[in-house]
Amino acid sequence: MYKYALLAALALTGVTACSQQEDAQQPTEQVAAVSKPTDPNDSKAWNAYLGQIVQKNMQGMTADRPFPYLVPAGDSDDANAVRQRQLDQVQDTVARGVLPGNMLVFAGPDSGKTAEFVTDAFKDAKPGSFKDVIVLVIGDAADKDKVTAALQPTGATIRYVNM
């Protein structure tokens, strides 16, 4: 569910960007940057915040859209269940492989949980299996080394953006 909400936010941002390009001859307003939400359970605010970061980091992607995963915060049974379902899905995707030119995006209100998620998801990836695939992770600077170490053997183009 979080994945589809983030994807919808990205799609809306993309539609807005396209219409702004078409209206380039008319004066346009500067879109205000969305600040980092303080409520980890406000998925709408997180999708808006993370969507703008994804839009700024799509260069080199040749696929029609990125594949975002919003990793939920919290330790409730519901949050753990959502994370486990997402992890199962991503591990399956990693095992099958991803075509070059695609982008996977991982982010969430709790950077530590996101870093752990990425590490678990890619632990069994074959070396070089993600060559020319962009993996964008949005998190705290303290988690960058852990994420990079997990992704580096895959050959992915790693983009880590500090929140």
C-alpha atoms as a PDB file:
ATOM      1  CA  MET A   1       0.000   0.000   0.000  1.00  0.00           C
ATOM      2  CA  TYR A   2       2.820   2.390   0.866  1.00  0.00           C
ATOM      3  CA  LYS A   3       4.516   1.526  -2.427  1.00  0.00           C
ATOM      4  CA  TYR A   4       1.434   2.514  -4.408  1.00  0.00           C
ATOM      5  CA  ALA A   5       0.963   5.731  -2.456  1.00  0.00           C
ATOM      6  CA  LEU A   6       4.576   6.764  -3.145  1.00  0.00           C
ATOM      7  CA  LEU A   7       4.193   5.743  -6.775  1.00  0.00           C
ATOM      8  CA  ALA A   8       1.043   7.875  -7.051  1.00  0.00           C
ATOM      9  CA  ALA A   9       2.872  10.834  -5.543  1.00  0.00           C
ATOM     10  CA  LEU A  10       5.680  10.376  -8.063  1.00  0.00           C
ATOM     11  CA  ALA A  11       3.203  10.132 -10.924  1.00  0.00           C
ATOM     12  CA  LEU A  12       1.480  13.336  -9.854  1.00  0.00           C
ATOM     13  CA  THR A  13       4.839  15.080  -9.586  1.00  0.00           C
ATOM     14  CA  GLY A  14       5.722  13.812 -13.062  1.00  0.00           C
ATOM     15  CA  VAL A  15       2.439  15.068 -14.518  1.00  0.00           C
ATOM     16  CA  THR A  16       3.040  18.442 -12.919  1.00  0.00           C
ATOM     17  CA  ALA A  17       6.565  18.553 -14.319  1.00  0.00           C
ATOM     18  CA  CYS A  18       5.300  17.730 -17.824  1.00  0.00           C
ATOM     19  CA  SER A  19       2.623  20.419 -17.746  1.00  0.00           C
ATOM     20  CA  GLN A  20       5.155  22.961 -16.478  1.00  0.00           C
ATOM     21  CA  GLN A  21       7.466  22.155 -19.412  1.00  0.00           C
ATOM     22  CA  GLU A  22       4.596  22.664 -21.860  1.00  0.00           C
ATOM     23  CA  ASP A  23       3.826  26.036 -20.305  1.00  0.00           C
ATOM     24  CA  ALA A  24       7.462  27.123 -20.384  1.00  0.00           C
ATOM     25  CA  GLN A  25       6.612  30.278 -22.332  1.00  0.00           C
ATOM     26  CA  GLN A  26       4.372  31.509 -19.526  1.00  0.00           C
ATOM     27  CA  PRO A  27       5.803  32.673 -16.201  1.00  0.00           C
ATOM     28  CA  THR A  28       5.680  29.842 -13.711  1.00  0.00           C
ATOM     29  CA  GLU A  29       5.671  29.799  -9.947  1.00  0.00           C
ATOM     30  CA  GLN A  30       8.525  28.184  -8.075  1.00  0.00           C
ATOM     31  CA  VAL A  31       7.274  25.005  -6.409  1.00  0.00           C
ATOM     32  CA  ALA A  32       8.000  25.157  -2.700  1.00  0.00           C
ATOM     33  CA  ALA A  33      10.084  22.308  -1.337  1.00  0.00           C
ATOM     34  CA  VAL A  34       8.253  20.017   1.039  1.00  0.00           C
ATOM     35  CA  SER A  35       9.979  19.796   4.411  1.00  0.00           C
ATOM     36  CA  LYS A  36      10.715  16.538   6.220  1.00  0.00           C
ATOM     37  CA  PRO A  37       7.594  15.391   8.101  1.00  0.00           C
ATOM     38  CA  THR A  38       7.751  15.012  11.865  1.00  0.00           C
ATOM     39  CA  ASP A  39       5.014  12.380  12.155  1.00  0.00           C
ATOM     40  CA  PRO A  40       6.381   8.976  11.067  1.00  0.00           C
ATOM     41  CA  ASN A  41       2.816   7.719  10.486  1.00  0.00           C
ATOM     42  CA  ASP A  42       1.778  10.479   8.058  1.00  0.00           C
ATOM     43  CA  SER A  43       2.282   8.520   4.826  1.00  0.00           C
ATOM     44  CA  LYS A  44       0.826  11.313   2.666  1.00  0.00           C
ATOM     45  CA  ALA A  45       3.395  13.838   3.956  1.00  0.00           C
ATOM     46  CA  TRP A  46       6.223  11.293   3.654  1.00  0.00           C
ATOM     47  CA  ASN A  47       5.210  10.475   0.077  1.00  0.00           C
ATOM     48  CA  ALA A  48       5.260  14.166  -0.860  1.00  0.00           C
ATOM     49  CA  TYR A  49       8.622  14.715   0.844  1.00  0.00           C
ATOM     50  CA  LEU A  50      10.275  11.610  -0.608  1.00  0.00           C
ATOM     51  CA  GLY A  51       8.675  12.077  -4.036  1.00  0.00           C
ATOM     52  CA  GLN A  52      10.461  15.401  -4.531  1.00  0.00           C
ATOM     53  CA  ILE A  53      13.801  13.760  -3.664  1.00  0.00           C
ATOM     54  CA  VAL A  54      13.173  10.943  -6.131  1.00  0.00           C
ATOM     55  CA  GLN A  55      12.288  13.451  -8.880  1.00  0.00           C
ATOM     56  CA  LYS A  56      15.663  15.157  -8.384  1.00  0.00           C
ATOM     57  CA  ASN A  57      17.576  11.870  -8.646  1.00  0.00           C
ATOM     58  CA  MET A  58      16.086  10.180 -11.710  1.00  0.00           C
ATOM     59  CA  GLN A  59      18.886  11.071 -14.140  1.00  0.00           C
ATOM     60  CA  GLY A  60      20.160   8.055 -16.053  1.00  0.00           C
ATOM     61  CA  MET A  61      16.954   6.093 -15.588  1.00  0.00           C
ATOM     62  CA  THR A  62      15.583   4.835 -18.915  1.00  0.00           C
ATOM     63  CA  ALA A  63      12.546   2.944 -17.580  1.00  0.00           C
ATOM     64  CA  ASP A  64       9.146   4.633 -17.624  1.00  0.00           C
ATOM     65  CA  ARG A  65       8.938   4.901 -13.814  1.00  0.00           C
ATOM     66  CA  PRO A  66      10.895   4.060 -10.660  1.00  0.00           C
ATOM     67  CA  PHE A  67       9.912   1.286  -8.266  1.00  0.00           C
ATOM     68  CA  PRO A  68       9.581   2.902  -4.817  1.00  0.00           C
ATOM     69  CA  TYR A  69       9.378   1.143  -1.468  1.00  0.00           C
ATOM     70  CA  LEU A  70       8.293   3.217   1.535  1.00  0.00           C
ATOM     71  CA  VAL A  71       9.573   1.271   4.535  1.00  0.00           C
ATOM     72  CA  PRO A  72       7.223   1.934   7.463  1.00  0.00           C
ATOM     73  CA  ALA A  73       8.531   3.047  10.837  1.00  0.00           C
ATOM     74  CA  GLY A  74       7.526   1.528  14.133  1.00  0.00           C
ATOM     75  CA  ASP A  75       7.599  -1.848  15.816  1.00  0.00           C
ATOM     76  CA  SER A  76       3.881  -2.598  15.902  1.00  0.00           C
ATOM     77  CA  ASP A  77       2.634  -5.895  14.530  1.00  0.00           C
ATOM     78  CA  ASP A  78       1.144  -4.068  11.545  1.00  0.00           C
ATOM     79  CA  ALA A  79       4.391  -2.233  10.706  1.00  0.00           C
ATOM     80  CA  ASN A  80       6.415  -5.424  11.071  1.00  0.00           C
ATOM     81  CA  ALA A  81       3.966  -7.302   8.836  1.00  0.00           C
ATOM     82  CA  VAL A  82       4.113  -4.630   6.121  1.00  0.00           C
ATOM     83  CA  ARG A  83       7.924  -4.588   6.236  1.00  0.00           C
ATOM     84  CA  GLN A  84       8.052  -8.399   6.012  1.00  0.00           C
ATOM     85  CA  ARG A  85       5.697  -8.477   3.007  1.00  0.00           C
ATOM     86  CA  GLN A  86       7.767  -5.803   1.286  1.00  0.00           C
ATOM     87  CA  LEU A  87      10.987  -7.623   2.140  1.00  0.00           C
ATOM     88  CA  ASP A  88       9.652 -10.883   0.681  1.00  0.00           C
ATOM     89  CA  GLN A  89       8.674  -9.040  -2.507  1.00  0.00           C
ATOM     90  CA  VAL A  90      12.025  -7.262  -2.858  1.00  0.00           C
ATOM     91  CA  GLN A  91      14.031 -10.420  -2.114  1.00  0.00           C
ATOM     92  CA  ASP A  92      12.096 -12.156  -4.891  1.00  0.00           C
ATOM     93  CA  THR A  93      12.836  -9.251  -7.245  1.00  0.00           C
ATOM     94  CA  VAL A  94      16.530  -9.301  -6.297  1.00  0.00           C
ATOM     95  CA  ALA A  95      16.694 -13.057  -6.922  1.00  0.00           C
ATOM     96  CA  ARG A  96      15.126 -12.656 -10.399  1.00  0.00           C
ATOM     97  CA  GLY A  97      17.115  -9.552 -11.285  1.00  0.00           C
ATOM     98  CA  VAL A  98      16.123  -6.155 -12.616  1.00  0.00           C
ATOM     99  CA  LEU A  99      16.627  -4.913 -16.157  1.00  0.00           C
ATOM    100  CA  PRO A 100      19.246  -2.195 -16.736  1.00  0.00           C
ATOM    101  CA  GLY A 101      17.837   1.330 -16.785  1.00  0.00           C
ATOM    102  CA  ASN A 102      15.396   0.702 -13.960  1.00  0.00           C
ATOM    103  CA  MET A 103      15.446   2.434 -10.592  1.00  0.00           C
ATOM    104  CA  LEU A 104      14.569   0.992  -7.199  1.00  0.00           C
ATOM    105  CA  VAL A 105      13.928   3.494  -4.404  1.00  0.00           C
ATOM    106  CA  PHE A 106      14.050   2.697  -0.692  1.00  0.00           C
ATOM    107  CA  ALA A 107      13.101   5.233   1.964  1.00  0.00           C
ATOM    108  CA  GLY A 108      11.122   5.649   5.141  1.00  0.00           C
ATOM    109  CA  PRO A 109      10.684   7.691   8.301  1.00  0.00           C
ATOM    110  CA  ASP A 110      13.131   5.460  10.221  1.00  0.00           C
ATOM    111  CA  SER A 111      16.480   5.449   8.429  1.00  0.00           C
ATOM    112  CA  GLY A 112      17.808   2.580  10.532  1.00  0.00           C
ATOM    113  CA  LYS A 113      14.875   0.348   9.543  1.00  0.00           C
ATOM    114  CA  THR A 114      15.329   1.344   5.902  1.00  0.00           C
ATOM    115  CA  ALA A 115      19.053   0.492   6.027  1.00  0.00           C
ATOM    116  CA  GLU A 116      18.284  -2.857   7.660  1.00  0.00           C
ATOM    117  CA  PHE A 117      15.615  -3.507   5.028  1.00  0.00           C
ATOM    118  CA  VAL A 118      18.031  -2.840   2.142  1.00  0.00           C
ATOM    119  CA  THR A 119      20.745  -4.959   3.752  1.00  0.00           C
ATOM    120  CA  ASP A 120      18.348  -7.884   4.234  1.00  0.00           C
ATOM    121  CA  ALA A 121      16.864  -7.501   0.754  1.00  0.00           C
ATOM    122  CA  PHE A 122      20.207  -7.626  -1.054  1.00  0.00           C
ATOM    123  CA  LYS A 123      22.122 -10.082   1.162  1.00  0.00           C
ATOM    124  CA  ASP A 124      21.733 -12.941  -1.352  1.00  0.00           C
ATOM    125  CA  ALA A 125      22.136 -10.884  -4.536  1.00  0.00           C
ATOM    126  CA  LYS A 126      24.539 -12.285  -7.095  1.00  0.00           C
ATOM    127  CA  PRO A 127      27.655 -10.185  -7.697  1.00  0.00           C
ATOM    128  CA  GLY A 128      27.167  -7.862 -10.676  1.00  0.00           C
ATOM    129  CA  SER A 129      23.477  -8.751 -11.038  1.00  0.00           C
ATOM    130  CA  PHE A 130      22.339  -5.109 -10.830  1.00  0.00           C
ATOM    131  CA  LYS A 131      24.764  -3.577 -13.339  1.00  0.00           C
ATOM    132  CA  ASP A 132      23.211  -0.421 -14.831  1.00  0.00           C
ATOM    133  CA  VAL A 133      20.329  -0.488 -12.330  1.00  0.00           C
ATOM    134  CA  ILE A 134      19.984   2.590 -10.121  1.00  0.00           C
ATOM    135  CA  VAL A 135      19.292   1.978  -6.446  1.00  0.00           C
ATOM    136  CA  LEU A 136      18.331   5.168  -4.627  1.00  0.00           C
ATOM    137  CA  VAL A 137      18.270   5.051  -0.848  1.00  0.00           C
ATOM    138  CA  ILE A 138      17.079   8.029   1.186  1.00  0.00           C
ATOM    139  CA  GLY A 139      18.201   8.018   4.800  1.00  0.00           C
ATOM    140  CA  ASP A 140      20.489   9.423   7.472  1.00  0.00           C
ATOM    141  CA  ALA A 141      24.214   9.849   6.838  1.00  0.00           C
ATOM    142  CA  ALA A 142      24.967   7.383   9.656  1.00  0.00           C
ATOM    143  CA  ASP A 143      23.416   4.542   7.607  1.00  0.00           C
ATOM    144  CA  LYS A 144      25.167   5.270   4.296  1.00  0.00           C
ATOM    145  CA  ASP A 145      28.165   2.956   4.810  1.00  0.00           C
ATOM    146  CA  LYS A 146      25.964   0.003   5.802  1.00  0.00           C
ATOM    147  CA  VAL A 147      23.752   0.439   2.745  1.00  0.00           C
ATOM    148  CA  THR A 148      26.682   0.990   0.383  1.00  0.00           C
ATOM    149  CA  ALA A 149      28.439  -2.147   1.656  1.00  0.00           C
ATOM    150  CA  ALA A 150      25.296  -4.207   1.043  1.00  0.00           C
ATOM    151  CA  LEU A 151      24.725  -2.845  -2.479  1.00  0.00           C
ATOM    152  CA  GLN A 152      28.271  -2.529  -3.819  1.00  0.00           C
ATOM    153  CA  PRO A 153      28.769  -6.205  -4.783  1.00  0.00           C
ATOM    154  CA  THR A 154      25.624  -6.073  -6.948  1.00  0.00           C
ATOM    155  CA  GLY A 155      27.190  -3.588  -9.364  1.00  0.00           C
ATOM    156  CA  ALA A 156      24.219  -1.229  -8.982  1.00  0.00           C
ATOM    157  CA  THR A 157      24.574   2.496  -9.442  1.00  0.00           C
ATOM    158  CA  ILE A 158      24.134   3.521  -5.816  1.00  0.00           C
ATOM    159  CA  ARG A 159      22.651   6.889  -4.944  1.00  0.00           C
ATOM    160  CA  TYR A 160      22.352   7.705  -1.279  1.00  0.00           C
ATOM    161  CA  VAL A 161      20.580  10.918  -0.356  1.00  0.00           C
ATOM    162  CA  ASN A 162      20.692  12.251   3.196  1.00  0.00           C
ATOM    163  CA  MET A 163      17.314  13.287   4.610  1.00  0.00           C
END
